[in-house]
Amino acid sequence: MRHFWAFFVAPAAIYYIESSFTAARILGERGPFVTLTCPNCGNDRNFQVKTLQMHVVHLEDNRVEVSEESRPAVLEVLCDECESALNFEEFEDTLRKEVLLTIGAR
């Protein structure tokens, strides 16, 4: 009889994104530009997106196998220059959707 042990691992990941995302991927090449600017330092290029993801792993015969994993959830968005927190819920819909699509989150 084999014994399976399940435990949860919740690593945090940081994704670096650049602003000036376009809806061109969705609307064609002439889509509108969506911008994001840090209110503290004026950075409009690089931001950190911190995520959380859950994995269920099984240990069997000296192997570790992932049996289930969740999609990453956005925890926090920071300016990459001054590390000021930005409210992800206040981003324009197009930008928020593009960020979620880019990092594979929900």
C-alpha atoms as a PDB file:
ATOM      1  CA  MET A   1       0.000   0.000   0.000  1.00  0.00           C
ATOM      2  CA  ARG A   2       1.423   3.368  -1.007  1.00  0.00           C
ATOM      3  CA  HIS A   3       1.068   6.410   1.168  1.00  0.00           C
ATOM      4  CA  PHE A   4       0.519   9.801  -0.386  1.00  0.00           C
ATOM      5  CA  TRP A   5       1.382  12.926   1.510  1.00  0.00           C
ATOM      6  CA  ALA A   6      -0.080  16.204   0.391  1.00  0.00           C
ATOM      7  CA  PHE A   7       1.127  19.576   1.527  1.00  0.00           C
ATOM      8  CA  PHE A   8       0.598  23.099   0.302  1.00  0.00           C
ATOM      9  CA  VAL A   9       3.322  25.381  -0.969  1.00  0.00           C
ATOM     10  CA  ALA A  10       2.530  29.041  -1.453  1.00  0.00           C
ATOM     11  CA  PRO A  11       5.481  30.781  -3.073  1.00  0.00           C
ATOM     12  CA  ALA A  12       5.293  34.438  -3.887  1.00  0.00           C
ATOM     13  CA  ALA A  13       6.398  35.517  -7.329  1.00  0.00           C
ATOM     14  CA  ILE A  14       7.309  38.947  -8.629  1.00  0.00           C
ATOM     15  CA  TYR A  15       6.618  39.809 -12.243  1.00  0.00           C
ATOM     16  CA  TYR A  16       8.146  42.908 -13.766  1.00  0.00           C
ATOM     17  CA  ILE A  17       5.853  44.644 -16.223  1.00  0.00           C
ATOM     18  CA  GLU A  18       6.242  47.617 -18.483  1.00  0.00           C
ATOM     19  CA  SER A  19       3.430  50.090 -18.906  1.00  0.00           C
ATOM     20  CA  SER A  20       2.226  51.476 -22.216  1.00  0.00           C
ATOM     21  CA  PHE A  21       0.359  48.260 -22.820  1.00  0.00           C
ATOM     22  CA  THR A  22      -1.821  48.500 -25.846  1.00  0.00           C
ATOM     23  CA  ALA A  23      -5.138  47.028 -26.627  1.00  0.00           C
ATOM     24  CA  ALA A  24      -3.688  46.450 -30.082  1.00  0.00           C
ATOM     25  CA  ARG A  25      -3.415  42.748 -29.341  1.00  0.00           C
ATOM     26  CA  ILE A  26      -7.176  42.680 -28.931  1.00  0.00           C
ATOM     27  CA  LEU A  27      -8.360  45.494 -31.197  1.00  0.00           C
ATOM     28  CA  GLY A  28      -5.780  45.326 -33.965  1.00  0.00           C
ATOM     29  CA  GLU A  29      -2.713  47.438 -34.522  1.00  0.00           C
ATOM     30  CA  ARG A  30      -4.490  50.781 -34.103  1.00  0.00           C
ATOM     31  CA  GLY A  31      -5.821  50.113 -30.599  1.00  0.00           C
ATOM     32  CA  PRO A  32      -5.631  52.799 -27.890  1.00  0.00           C
ATOM     33  CA  PHE A  33      -2.628  53.074 -25.563  1.00  0.00           C
ATOM     34  CA  VAL A  34      -3.129  52.491 -21.870  1.00  0.00           C
ATOM     35  CA  THR A  35      -0.657  54.201 -19.578  1.00  0.00           C
ATOM     36  CA  LEU A  36       0.315  53.928 -15.942  1.00  0.00           C
ATOM     37  CA  THR A  37       2.393  56.471 -14.025  1.00  0.00           C
ATOM     38  CA  CYS A  38       3.643  56.321 -10.451  1.00  0.00           C
ATOM     39  CA  PRO A  39       2.182  59.312  -8.601  1.00  0.00           C
ATOM     40  CA  ASN A  40       5.280  59.582  -6.373  1.00  0.00           C
ATOM     41  CA  CYS A  41       8.237  59.497  -8.778  1.00  0.00           C
ATOM     42  CA  GLY A  42       6.708  59.768 -12.264  1.00  0.00           C
ATOM     43  CA  ASN A  43       7.943  56.330 -13.415  1.00  0.00           C
ATOM     44  CA  ASP A  44       5.834  55.194 -16.350  1.00  0.00           C
ATOM     45  CA  ARG A  45       7.822  52.155 -17.514  1.00  0.00           C
ATOM     46  CA  ASN A  46       8.517  49.431 -14.936  1.00  0.00           C
ATOM     47  CA  PHE A  47       6.354  48.027 -12.178  1.00  0.00           C
ATOM     48  CA  GLN A  48       6.480  44.953  -9.948  1.00  0.00           C
ATOM     49  CA  VAL A  49       3.466  42.665  -9.726  1.00  0.00           C
ATOM     50  CA  LYS A  50       3.599  40.387  -6.684  1.00  0.00           C
ATOM     51  CA  THR A  51       1.529  37.243  -6.916  1.00  0.00           C
ATOM     52  CA  LEU A  52       0.614  34.236  -4.819  1.00  0.00           C
ATOM     53  CA  GLN A  53       0.128  30.723  -6.168  1.00  0.00           C
ATOM     54  CA  MET A  54      -0.818  27.474  -4.425  1.00  0.00           C
ATOM     55  CA  HIS A  55       0.553  24.034  -5.352  1.00  0.00           C
ATOM     56  CA  VAL A  56      -0.461  20.615  -4.053  1.00  0.00           C
ATOM     57  CA  VAL A  57       2.383  18.141  -4.340  1.00  0.00           C
ATOM     58  CA  HIS A  58       2.496  14.408  -3.704  1.00  0.00           C
ATOM     59  CA  LEU A  59       5.541  12.548  -2.509  1.00  0.00           C
ATOM     60  CA  GLU A  60       5.808   9.044  -3.903  1.00  0.00           C
ATOM     61  CA  ASP A  61       8.807   6.742  -4.295  1.00  0.00           C
ATOM     62  CA  ASN A  62      11.313   9.538  -3.645  1.00  0.00           C
ATOM     63  CA  ARG A  63       9.652  11.772  -6.247  1.00  0.00           C
ATOM     64  CA  VAL A  64       7.772  15.004  -5.820  1.00  0.00           C
ATOM     65  CA  GLU A  65       4.909  15.509  -8.258  1.00  0.00           C
ATOM     66  CA  VAL A  66       2.605  18.470  -8.610  1.00  0.00           C
ATOM     67  CA  SER A  67      -0.956  17.219  -8.665  1.00  0.00           C
ATOM     68  CA  GLU A  68      -2.764  20.535  -8.547  1.00  0.00           C
ATOM     69  CA  GLU A  69      -1.877  24.202  -8.856  1.00  0.00           C
ATOM     70  CA  SER A  70      -3.864  27.392  -8.817  1.00  0.00           C
ATOM     71  CA  ARG A  71      -3.451  30.315 -11.148  1.00  0.00           C
ATOM     72  CA  PRO A  72      -1.512  33.200  -9.600  1.00  0.00           C
ATOM     73  CA  ALA A  73      -3.525  35.866  -7.794  1.00  0.00           C
ATOM     74  CA  VAL A  74      -2.245  39.463  -7.739  1.00  0.00           C
ATOM     75  CA  LEU A  75      -1.306  40.538  -4.225  1.00  0.00           C
ATOM     76  CA  GLU A  76       0.373  43.867  -4.823  1.00  0.00           C
ATOM     77  CA  VAL A  77       1.670  46.189  -7.525  1.00  0.00           C
ATOM     78  CA  LEU A  78       4.687  48.379  -6.784  1.00  0.00           C
ATOM     79  CA  CYS A  79       6.602  51.013  -8.698  1.00  0.00           C
ATOM     80  CA  ASP A  80       9.942  49.454  -9.632  1.00  0.00           C
ATOM     81  CA  GLU A  81      11.766  52.766  -9.046  1.00  0.00           C
ATOM     82  CA  CYS A  82      10.499  53.961  -5.645  1.00  0.00           C
ATOM     83  CA  GLU A  83       8.545  50.852  -4.546  1.00  0.00           C
ATOM     84  CA  SER A  84       5.382  52.838  -3.854  1.00  0.00           C
ATOM     85  CA  ALA A  85       2.251  50.686  -3.762  1.00  0.00           C
ATOM     86  CA  LEU A  86      -0.293  51.197  -6.542  1.00  0.00           C
ATOM     87  CA  ASN A  87      -3.923  50.130  -6.216  1.00  0.00           C
ATOM     88  CA  PHE A  88      -4.401  47.395  -8.828  1.00  0.00           C
ATOM     89  CA  GLU A  89      -8.196  47.608  -8.520  1.00  0.00           C
ATOM     90  CA  GLU A  90      -8.056  51.251  -9.708  1.00  0.00           C
ATOM     91  CA  PHE A  91      -6.159  50.430 -12.935  1.00  0.00           C
ATOM     92  CA  GLU A  92      -8.068  50.962 -16.162  1.00  0.00           C
ATOM     93  CA  ASP A  93      -9.854  47.771 -17.214  1.00  0.00           C
ATOM     94  CA  THR A  94      -7.733  47.350 -20.343  1.00  0.00           C
ATOM     95  CA  LEU A  95      -4.471  47.593 -18.400  1.00  0.00           C
ATOM     96  CA  ARG A  96      -5.677  45.333 -15.586  1.00  0.00           C
ATOM     97  CA  LYS A  97      -6.820  42.674 -18.068  1.00  0.00           C
ATOM     98  CA  GLU A  98      -3.536  42.892 -19.990  1.00  0.00           C
ATOM     99  CA  VAL A  99      -1.510  42.456 -16.790  1.00  0.00           C
ATOM    100  CA  LEU A 100      -3.605  39.464 -15.728  1.00  0.00           C
ATOM    101  CA  LEU A 101      -3.325  37.915 -19.189  1.00  0.00           C
ATOM    102  CA  THR A 102       0.434  38.499 -19.313  1.00  0.00           C
ATOM    103  CA  ILE A 103       1.145  36.809 -15.967  1.00  0.00           C
ATOM    104  CA  GLY A 104      -1.508  34.104 -16.348  1.00  0.00           C
ATOM    105  CA  ALA A 105      -3.418  35.253 -13.275  1.00  0.00           C
ATOM    106  CA  ARG A 106      -7.052  35.750 -12.524  1.00  0.00           C
END
